Amino acid sequence: MLKRITVILFLILFIASCSTENNPIAPVENQLTKEAVKLPPKNSKLSVETEFYESKIIDGNAGGSINFSFDYVAASGQTVQVYGNLTIPAGAFNTTENIELFIDNEIAAIDFFPSPLSFNTPLLLNLTFKGLVLQEGDDSVLDFYYTYDNQTQFELIAKNARIVNLSNGKLQVVQAQLPHFSRFGWFR
């Protein structure tokens, strides 16, 4: 009987330790109602890009940076631009990694790989989307989040500034602090 109770207690403790509450990269804000900012659809006759991708090999002990810039013509005729840079401070991680970033084709989001990869010092991301179709009132509700679990859980990302300009469809995050690699994006 004592063996059974011990095994049951062990299983309960094991299952409890696997919850997202103990996961160091799990979001703290659980909200199911956020809507992603959509990118204008591409003009299929003028755009041949199927993926916006950049990569660079970085020694985490030395640090480095990755600059990126992509644009396309939307079906409505406007130009959509995505540009920015990722700064990796010296000592952010202790290995050499092929850092990859992908801009989502449908929403204002960016994915980083290898994932998961956590950092000793947060990486700094400057990211701008321009030429988006934003809604009245977006300037007060849009923000930059880490998201996971099929975009049902979110964590607000610390940053120096968030800029929302409705007139030119601009979303900009300045020095967003990335504690790990995953998916980050603009949600309302």
Protein backbone atom coordinates (compact mmCIF):
# COMPACT_ATOMS: atom_id res chain seq x y z
CA MET A 1 0.00 0.00 0.00
CA LEU A 2 2.83 2.39 0.85
CA LYS A 3 4.41 1.67 -2.54
CA ARG A 4 1.18 2.58 -4.34
CA ILE A 5 0.82 5.87 -2.45
CA THR A 6 4.47 6.70 -3.17
CA VAL A 7 4.03 5.96 -6.89
CA ILE A 8 0.81 8.02 -7.06
CA LEU A 9 2.45 10.97 -5.28
CA PHE A 10 5.45 10.73 -7.59
CA LEU A 11 3.18 10.77 -10.67
CA ILE A 12 1.22 13.77 -9.37
CA LEU A 13 4.43 15.71 -8.71
CA PHE A 14 5.82 14.74 -12.12
CA ILE A 15 2.70 15.86 -13.99
CA ALA A 16 2.55 19.14 -12.02
CA SER A 17 6.18 19.88 -12.85
CA CYS A 18 5.41 19.60 -16.59
CA SER A 19 2.91 22.47 -16.58
CA THR A 20 3.62 25.71 -18.47
CA GLU A 21 3.80 27.57 -15.16
CA ASN A 22 7.29 26.13 -14.66
CA ASN A 23 8.35 26.66 -18.27
CA PRO A 24 10.82 29.58 -18.37
CA ILE A 25 9.79 30.58 -21.89
CA ALA A 26 6.02 30.12 -21.54
CA PRO A 27 4.02 33.34 -21.83
CA VAL A 28 2.62 34.82 -18.67
CA GLU A 29 -0.43 36.37 -20.27
CA ASN A 30 -2.98 33.77 -21.37
CA GLN A 31 -5.57 35.41 -23.58
CA LEU A 32 -7.50 33.71 -26.33
CA THR A 33 -8.97 36.83 -27.97
CA LYS A 34 -6.04 38.55 -29.71
CA GLU A 35 -6.21 39.16 -33.44
CA ALA A 36 -3.08 39.25 -35.58
CA VAL A 37 -2.44 42.20 -37.88
CA LYS A 38 -2.82 40.86 -41.41
CA LEU A 39 -0.42 41.70 -44.23
CA PRO A 40 -2.03 42.96 -47.44
CA PRO A 41 -2.18 40.12 -49.99
CA LYS A 42 0.54 40.15 -52.64
CA ASN A 43 -0.10 41.06 -56.25
CA SER A 44 0.54 37.62 -57.70
CA LYS A 45 1.48 39.13 -61.09
CA LEU A 46 4.19 41.38 -59.59
CA SER A 47 5.48 39.39 -56.61
CA VAL A 48 7.43 36.20 -57.03
CA GLU A 49 8.67 35.94 -53.44
CA THR A 50 7.18 33.08 -51.53
CA GLU A 51 9.22 33.57 -48.38
CA PHE A 52 11.02 36.43 -46.63
CA TYR A 53 14.06 34.85 -45.02
CA GLU A 54 17.48 35.92 -43.73
CA SER A 55 20.21 33.98 -41.94
CA LYS A 56 23.67 34.54 -40.54
CA ILE A 57 26.13 32.47 -38.51
CA ILE A 58 26.74 34.22 -35.19
CA ASP A 59 29.23 33.41 -32.43
CA GLY A 60 27.18 34.14 -29.29
CA ASN A 61 30.30 34.92 -27.27
CA ALA A 62 31.37 37.66 -29.72
CA GLY A 63 27.87 38.89 -30.63
CA GLY A 64 26.86 40.43 -33.93
CA SER A 65 23.90 41.72 -35.88
CA ILE A 66 21.61 40.80 -38.74
CA ASN A 67 20.08 43.46 -40.97
CA PHE A 68 17.09 42.61 -43.17
CA SER A 69 14.80 44.34 -45.64
CA PHE A 70 11.96 42.94 -47.74
CA ASP A 71 9.23 44.54 -49.79
CA TYR A 72 6.47 43.54 -52.16
CA VAL A 73 3.63 45.08 -54.15
CA ALA A 74 0.22 44.32 -52.67
CA ALA A 75 -2.84 43.43 -54.76
CA SER A 76 -4.15 46.95 -54.07
CA GLY A 77 -1.00 48.47 -55.61
CA GLN A 78 0.69 49.83 -52.48
CA THR A 79 4.20 48.76 -51.54
CA VAL A 80 4.55 46.83 -48.31
CA GLN A 81 7.94 47.09 -46.60
CA VAL A 82 9.42 45.05 -43.78
CA TYR A 83 12.84 45.98 -42.44
CA GLY A 84 14.91 45.99 -39.30
CA ASN A 85 17.84 44.52 -37.48
CA LEU A 86 18.58 42.05 -34.73
CA THR A 87 21.45 42.85 -32.37
CA ILE A 88 23.10 40.00 -30.51
CA PRO A 89 25.12 41.35 -27.54
CA ALA A 90 28.45 39.67 -26.79
CA GLY A 91 27.90 36.75 -24.42
CA ALA A 92 24.18 36.39 -25.25
CA PHE A 93 24.74 32.66 -25.77
CA ASN A 94 27.79 30.40 -25.53
CA THR A 95 27.70 28.65 -28.91
CA THR A 96 27.95 29.47 -32.60
CA GLU A 97 24.53 29.31 -34.24
CA ASN A 98 23.04 29.77 -37.69
CA ILE A 99 20.44 32.40 -36.80
CA GLU A 100 17.45 32.34 -39.13
CA LEU A 101 14.51 34.72 -39.34
CA PHE A 102 11.33 34.33 -41.34
CA ILE A 103 8.73 37.04 -41.92
CA ASP A 104 5.28 35.49 -42.00
CA ASN A 105 3.50 35.72 -45.39
CA GLU A 106 0.07 36.48 -43.93
CA ILE A 107 0.46 38.36 -40.65
CA ALA A 108 2.84 40.97 -39.18
CA ALA A 109 4.99 38.40 -37.37
CA ILE A 110 8.56 37.13 -37.36
CA ASP A 111 9.87 33.69 -36.46
CA PHE A 112 13.41 33.04 -35.23
CA PHE A 113 15.38 29.80 -35.28
CA PRO A 114 16.89 27.74 -33.79
CA SER A 115 13.97 27.53 -31.43
CA PRO A 116 13.88 27.12 -28.54
CA LEU A 117 17.07 28.98 -27.78
CA SER A 118 17.25 31.13 -24.63
CA PHE A 119 19.77 33.89 -24.00
CA ASN A 120 22.00 35.03 -21.16
CA THR A 121 21.30 38.64 -22.22
CA PRO A 122 18.21 39.60 -24.27
CA LEU A 123 18.70 40.20 -27.99
CA LEU A 124 17.45 43.54 -29.31
CA LEU A 125 15.07 43.67 -32.26
CA ASN A 126 14.14 46.73 -34.31
CA LEU A 127 11.32 45.81 -36.69
CA THR A 128 9.15 47.93 -38.99
CA PHE A 129 6.16 46.97 -41.12
CA LYS A 130 5.00 49.76 -43.46
CA GLY A 131 2.14 49.88 -45.97
CA LEU A 132 -0.32 47.89 -43.85
CA VAL A 133 -4.04 48.54 -43.71
CA LEU A 134 -4.69 49.55 -40.10
CA GLN A 135 -8.03 50.26 -38.43
CA GLU A 136 -9.16 53.38 -36.63
CA GLY A 137 -8.26 52.93 -32.97
CA ASP A 138 -5.37 50.53 -33.65
CA ASP A 139 -2.93 53.10 -32.28
CA SER A 140 -4.19 52.39 -28.76
CA VAL A 141 -4.70 48.61 -28.92
CA LEU A 142 -1.87 47.20 -31.04
CA ASP A 143 1.27 45.89 -29.38
CA PHE A 144 4.18 43.52 -29.92
CA TYR A 145 3.92 40.06 -28.34
CA TYR A 146 5.63 36.70 -28.04
CA THR A 147 3.03 34.08 -28.93
CA TYR A 148 2.82 30.33 -28.87
CA ASP A 149 0.40 27.43 -28.77
CA ASN A 150 -1.10 28.25 -32.17
CA GLN A 151 -1.44 31.94 -31.26
CA THR A 152 -3.68 31.39 -28.25
CA GLN A 153 -1.20 32.49 -25.57
CA PHE A 154 0.67 35.79 -25.50
CA GLU A 155 3.34 37.66 -23.56
CA LEU A 156 3.89 41.38 -24.01
CA ILE A 157 7.52 42.05 -24.99
CA ALA A 158 9.58 44.72 -23.18
CA LYS A 159 10.76 47.41 -25.60
CA ASN A 160 12.02 50.99 -25.78
CA ALA A 161 9.15 52.12 -28.03
CA ARG A 162 6.20 50.98 -30.07
CA ILE A 163 5.14 53.22 -32.94
CA VAL A 164 1.78 52.94 -34.68
CA ASN A 165 1.09 55.36 -37.54
CA LEU A 166 -2.36 54.88 -39.05
CA SER A 167 -1.84 57.25 -41.99
CA ASN A 168 1.00 55.27 -43.59
CA GLY A 169 0.18 51.85 -42.12
CA LYS A 170 3.35 51.70 -40.06
CA LEU A 171 4.03 49.41 -37.11
CA GLN A 172 7.45 49.72 -35.51
CA VAL A 173 9.00 48.19 -32.43
CA VAL A 174 12.25 49.73 -31.16
CA GLN A 175 14.72 47.58 -29.22
CA ALA A 176 12.30 44.81 -28.33
CA GLN A 177 14.03 42.57 -25.79
CA LEU A 178 13.95 38.95 -26.92
CA PRO A 179 14.78 36.55 -24.07
CA HIS A 180 14.52 33.54 -26.41
CA PHE A 181 13.74 32.60 -30.00
CA SER A 182 10.21 31.84 -31.08
CA ARG A 183 7.38 33.73 -32.84
CA PHE A 184 6.85 37.45 -32.20
CA GLY A 185 4.31 39.74 -33.82
CA TRP A 186 1.74 42.51 -33.77
CA PHE A 187 -1.66 41.73 -32.26
CA ARG A 188 -4.75 43.69 -31.22
